[in-house]
Amino acid sequence: MPIKIRGALRSVTVWVNGMLLAAWPFADKIMQAVRDNLPALQPYLPEDVFRNVGLAVVIFNIFQRARTTQSLAQKGAK
């Protein structure tokens, strides 16, 4: 397996972004299911919840990038 791919498999940032990317097409359905099935949470879910989630993802990526000290190739070489 190429070193960069091994490094990507060890990267928290790559895993989180991959999961978010996989869930993106279902975001509306997920939020609608939460609103429908958990009415007690409805007052706590703002209308702009997607904007807030997007902001959280951006902040997470900035934090992870600042924390990263190795390239994917270096991670994969371990």
N, C-alpha and C. Protein backbone atom coordinates (compact mmCIF):
# COMPACT_ATOMS: atom_id res chain seq x y z
N MET A 1 0.84 -1.17 0.00
CA MET A 1 0.00 0.00 0.00
C MET A 1 0.90 1.25 0.00
N PRO A 2 0.59 2.23 -0.84
CA PRO A 2 1.40 3.44 -0.88
C PRO A 2 1.46 4.15 0.49
N ILE A 3 2.60 4.78 0.75
CA ILE A 3 2.84 5.41 2.04
C ILE A 3 1.82 6.50 2.34
N LYS A 4 1.46 7.33 1.36
CA LYS A 4 0.50 8.41 1.60
C LYS A 4 -0.87 7.88 1.95
N ILE A 5 -1.27 6.77 1.36
CA ILE A 5 -2.57 6.18 1.68
C ILE A 5 -2.54 5.62 3.10
N ARG A 6 -1.45 4.97 3.48
CA ARG A 6 -1.33 4.49 4.87
C ARG A 6 -1.39 5.65 5.84
N GLY A 7 -0.74 6.76 5.50
CA GLY A 7 -0.77 7.94 6.35
C GLY A 7 -2.16 8.52 6.45
N ALA A 8 -2.89 8.53 5.33
CA ALA A 8 -4.26 9.05 5.34
C ALA A 8 -5.16 8.20 6.24
N LEU A 9 -4.93 6.89 6.24
CA LEU A 9 -5.74 6.01 7.09
C LEU A 9 -5.46 6.24 8.57
N ARG A 10 -4.32 6.84 8.90
CA ARG A 10 -3.98 7.13 10.30
C ARG A 10 -4.33 8.57 10.69
N SER A 11 -4.86 9.34 9.77
CA SER A 11 -5.14 10.76 10.00
C SER A 11 -6.56 10.97 10.53
N VAL A 12 -6.67 11.59 11.70
CA VAL A 12 -7.98 11.89 12.29
C VAL A 12 -8.73 12.86 11.39
N THR A 13 -8.04 13.84 10.85
CA THR A 13 -8.68 14.82 9.98
C THR A 13 -9.29 14.15 8.75
N VAL A 14 -8.56 13.24 8.13
CA VAL A 14 -9.07 12.55 6.95
C VAL A 14 -10.30 11.71 7.32
N TRP A 15 -10.26 11.02 8.44
CA TRP A 15 -11.40 10.20 8.86
C TRP A 15 -12.64 11.04 9.14
N VAL A 16 -12.49 12.12 9.90
CA VAL A 16 -13.64 12.97 10.22
C VAL A 16 -14.22 13.59 8.96
N ASN A 17 -13.35 14.13 8.11
CA ASN A 17 -13.84 14.73 6.87
C ASN A 17 -14.49 13.69 5.97
N GLY A 18 -13.96 12.49 5.94
CA GLY A 18 -14.57 11.42 5.14
C GLY A 18 -15.95 11.05 5.64
N MET A 19 -16.10 10.98 6.96
CA MET A 19 -17.43 10.66 7.53
C MET A 19 -18.43 11.78 7.25
N LEU A 20 -17.97 13.01 7.39
CA LEU A 20 -18.87 14.15 7.10
C LEU A 20 -19.25 14.18 5.63
N LEU A 21 -18.30 13.91 4.77
CA LEU A 21 -18.60 13.87 3.34
C LEU A 21 -19.61 12.77 3.01
N ALA A 22 -19.45 11.62 3.64
CA ALA A 22 -20.39 10.51 3.40
C ALA A 22 -21.79 10.83 3.92
N ALA A 23 -21.88 11.61 5.00
CA ALA A 23 -23.18 11.94 5.59
C ALA A 23 -23.85 13.13 4.91
N TRP A 24 -23.08 13.93 4.17
CA TRP A 24 -23.60 15.17 3.60
C TRP A 24 -24.88 14.98 2.76
N PRO A 25 -24.96 13.99 1.88
CA PRO A 25 -26.19 13.85 1.08
C PRO A 25 -27.42 13.55 1.94
N PHE A 26 -27.22 13.09 3.17
CA PHE A 26 -28.33 12.72 4.03
C PHE A 26 -28.58 13.73 5.14
N ALA A 27 -27.90 14.87 5.10
CA ALA A 27 -27.99 15.85 6.18
C ALA A 27 -29.43 16.32 6.41
N ASP A 28 -30.16 16.62 5.34
CA ASP A 28 -31.55 17.07 5.49
C ASP A 28 -32.41 15.99 6.12
N LYS A 29 -32.22 14.75 5.68
CA LYS A 29 -33.00 13.64 6.22
C LYS A 29 -32.65 13.38 7.68
N ILE A 30 -31.38 13.49 8.02
CA ILE A 30 -30.95 13.28 9.41
C ILE A 30 -31.58 14.34 10.32
N MET A 31 -31.49 15.61 9.90
CA MET A 31 -32.06 16.68 10.72
C MET A 31 -33.58 16.57 10.81
N GLN A 32 -34.23 16.19 9.72
CA GLN A 32 -35.68 16.03 9.75
C GLN A 32 -36.07 14.89 10.68
N ALA A 33 -35.32 13.80 10.67
CA ALA A 33 -35.59 12.68 11.57
C ALA A 33 -35.41 13.10 13.02
N VAL A 34 -34.38 13.90 13.29
CA VAL A 34 -34.18 14.39 14.66
C VAL A 34 -35.35 15.27 15.07
N ARG A 35 -35.76 16.18 14.18
CA ARG A 35 -36.88 17.08 14.51
C ARG A 35 -38.19 16.31 14.69
N ASP A 36 -38.43 15.28 13.88
CA ASP A 36 -39.68 14.52 13.95
C ASP A 36 -39.73 13.59 15.15
N ASN A 37 -38.62 12.92 15.43
CA ASN A 37 -38.62 11.87 16.43
C ASN A 37 -38.21 12.32 17.82
N LEU A 38 -37.63 13.47 17.91
CA LEU A 38 -37.22 13.97 19.22
C LEU A 38 -37.78 15.38 19.41
N PRO A 39 -39.10 15.49 19.56
CA PRO A 39 -39.70 16.83 19.65
C PRO A 39 -39.20 17.63 20.86
N ALA A 40 -38.71 16.96 21.87
CA ALA A 40 -38.19 17.68 23.03
C ALA A 40 -36.95 18.49 22.67
N LEU A 41 -36.24 18.08 21.61
CA LEU A 41 -35.03 18.80 21.19
C LEU A 41 -35.34 19.97 20.26
N GLN A 42 -36.54 20.03 19.73
CA GLN A 42 -36.88 21.03 18.73
C GLN A 42 -36.60 22.47 19.19
N PRO A 43 -36.91 22.83 20.43
CA PRO A 43 -36.62 24.20 20.86
C PRO A 43 -35.12 24.51 20.89
N TYR A 44 -34.28 23.48 20.95
CA TYR A 44 -32.84 23.68 21.05
C TYR A 44 -32.14 23.62 19.70
N LEU A 45 -32.85 23.27 18.66
CA LEU A 45 -32.26 23.21 17.32
C LEU A 45 -32.59 24.48 16.55
N PRO A 46 -31.63 25.36 16.37
CA PRO A 46 -31.91 26.61 15.65
C PRO A 46 -32.17 26.33 14.17
N GLU A 47 -32.82 27.28 13.53
CA GLU A 47 -33.10 27.15 12.10
C GLU A 47 -31.82 27.09 11.27
N ASP A 48 -30.78 27.76 11.74
CA ASP A 48 -29.53 27.80 11.00
C ASP A 48 -28.54 26.74 11.51
N VAL A 49 -29.06 25.57 11.87
CA VAL A 49 -28.24 24.52 12.44
C VAL A 49 -27.14 24.07 11.47
N PHE A 50 -27.43 24.06 10.16
CA PHE A 50 -26.44 23.60 9.20
C PHE A 50 -25.27 24.58 9.12
N ARG A 51 -25.58 25.88 9.22
CA ARG A 51 -24.51 26.88 9.22
C ARG A 51 -23.62 26.67 10.44
N ASN A 52 -24.23 26.38 11.59
CA ASN A 52 -23.46 26.15 12.81
C ASN A 52 -22.61 24.90 12.72
N VAL A 53 -23.14 23.85 12.13
CA VAL A 53 -22.37 22.61 11.95
C VAL A 53 -21.21 22.86 10.99
N GLY A 54 -21.47 23.60 9.92
CA GLY A 54 -20.40 23.94 8.98
C GLY A 54 -19.29 24.73 9.65
N LEU A 55 -19.66 25.67 10.50
CA LEU A 55 -18.67 26.45 11.23
C LEU A 55 -17.85 25.55 12.16
N ALA A 56 -18.50 24.60 12.81
CA ALA A 56 -17.80 23.67 13.70
C ALA A 56 -16.79 22.83 12.91
N VAL A 57 -17.17 22.40 11.72
CA VAL A 57 -16.26 21.61 10.87
C VAL A 57 -15.04 22.44 10.47
N VAL A 58 -15.27 23.69 10.10
CA VAL A 58 -14.16 24.57 9.73
C VAL A 58 -13.21 24.77 10.92
N ILE A 59 -13.76 25.02 12.09
CA ILE A 59 -12.94 25.21 13.29
C ILE A 59 -12.17 23.94 13.61
N PHE A 60 -12.82 22.77 13.49
CA PHE A 60 -12.14 21.50 13.72
C PHE A 60 -10.97 21.33 12.76
N ASN A 61 -11.19 21.63 11.48
CA ASN A 61 -10.12 21.48 10.49
C ASN A 61 -8.95 22.42 10.77
N ILE A 62 -9.25 23.65 11.17
CA ILE A 62 -8.18 24.59 11.52
C ILE A 62 -7.40 24.07 12.71
N PHE A 63 -8.10 23.60 13.73
CA PHE A 63 -7.44 23.06 14.92
C PHE A 63 -6.57 21.86 14.57
N GLN A 64 -7.10 20.93 13.80
CA GLN A 64 -6.35 19.74 13.42
C GLN A 64 -5.13 20.11 12.57
N ARG A 65 -5.29 21.07 11.68
CA ARG A 65 -4.16 21.47 10.82
C ARG A 65 -3.06 22.10 11.67
N ALA A 66 -3.44 22.89 12.65
CA ALA A 66 -2.45 23.52 13.53
C ALA A 66 -1.74 22.47 14.38
N ARG A 67 -2.44 21.42 14.72
CA ARG A 67 -1.89 20.35 15.56
C ARG A 67 -1.01 19.38 14.78
N THR A 68 -1.20 19.31 13.48
CA THR A 68 -0.49 18.36 12.63
C THR A 68 0.99 18.74 12.53
N THR A 69 1.84 17.76 12.75
CA THR A 69 3.28 17.99 12.66
C THR A 69 3.93 17.13 11.60
N GLN A 70 3.17 16.18 11.04
CA GLN A 70 3.75 15.26 10.05
C GLN A 70 2.90 15.24 8.78
N SER A 71 3.55 15.02 7.66
CA SER A 71 2.81 14.84 6.42
C SER A 71 2.21 13.44 6.40
N LEU A 72 1.31 13.21 5.46
CA LEU A 72 0.70 11.88 5.34
C LEU A 72 1.77 10.83 5.01
N ALA A 73 2.77 11.22 4.23
CA ALA A 73 3.84 10.27 3.88
C ALA A 73 4.63 9.88 5.13
N GLN A 74 4.89 10.85 6.01
CA GLN A 74 5.62 10.55 7.24
C GLN A 74 4.79 9.65 8.16
N LYS A 75 3.49 9.90 8.24
CA LYS A 75 2.63 9.05 9.06
C LYS A 75 2.60 7.63 8.51
N GLY A 76 2.54 7.51 7.19
CA GLY A 76 2.48 6.20 6.56
C GLY A 76 3.77 5.42 6.66
N ALA A 77 4.89 6.11 6.86
CA ALA A 77 6.19 5.44 6.93
C ALA A 77 6.42 4.77 8.29
N LYS A 78 5.62 5.13 9.28
CA LYS A 78 5.81 4.57 10.63
C LYS A 78 5.43 3.11 10.68
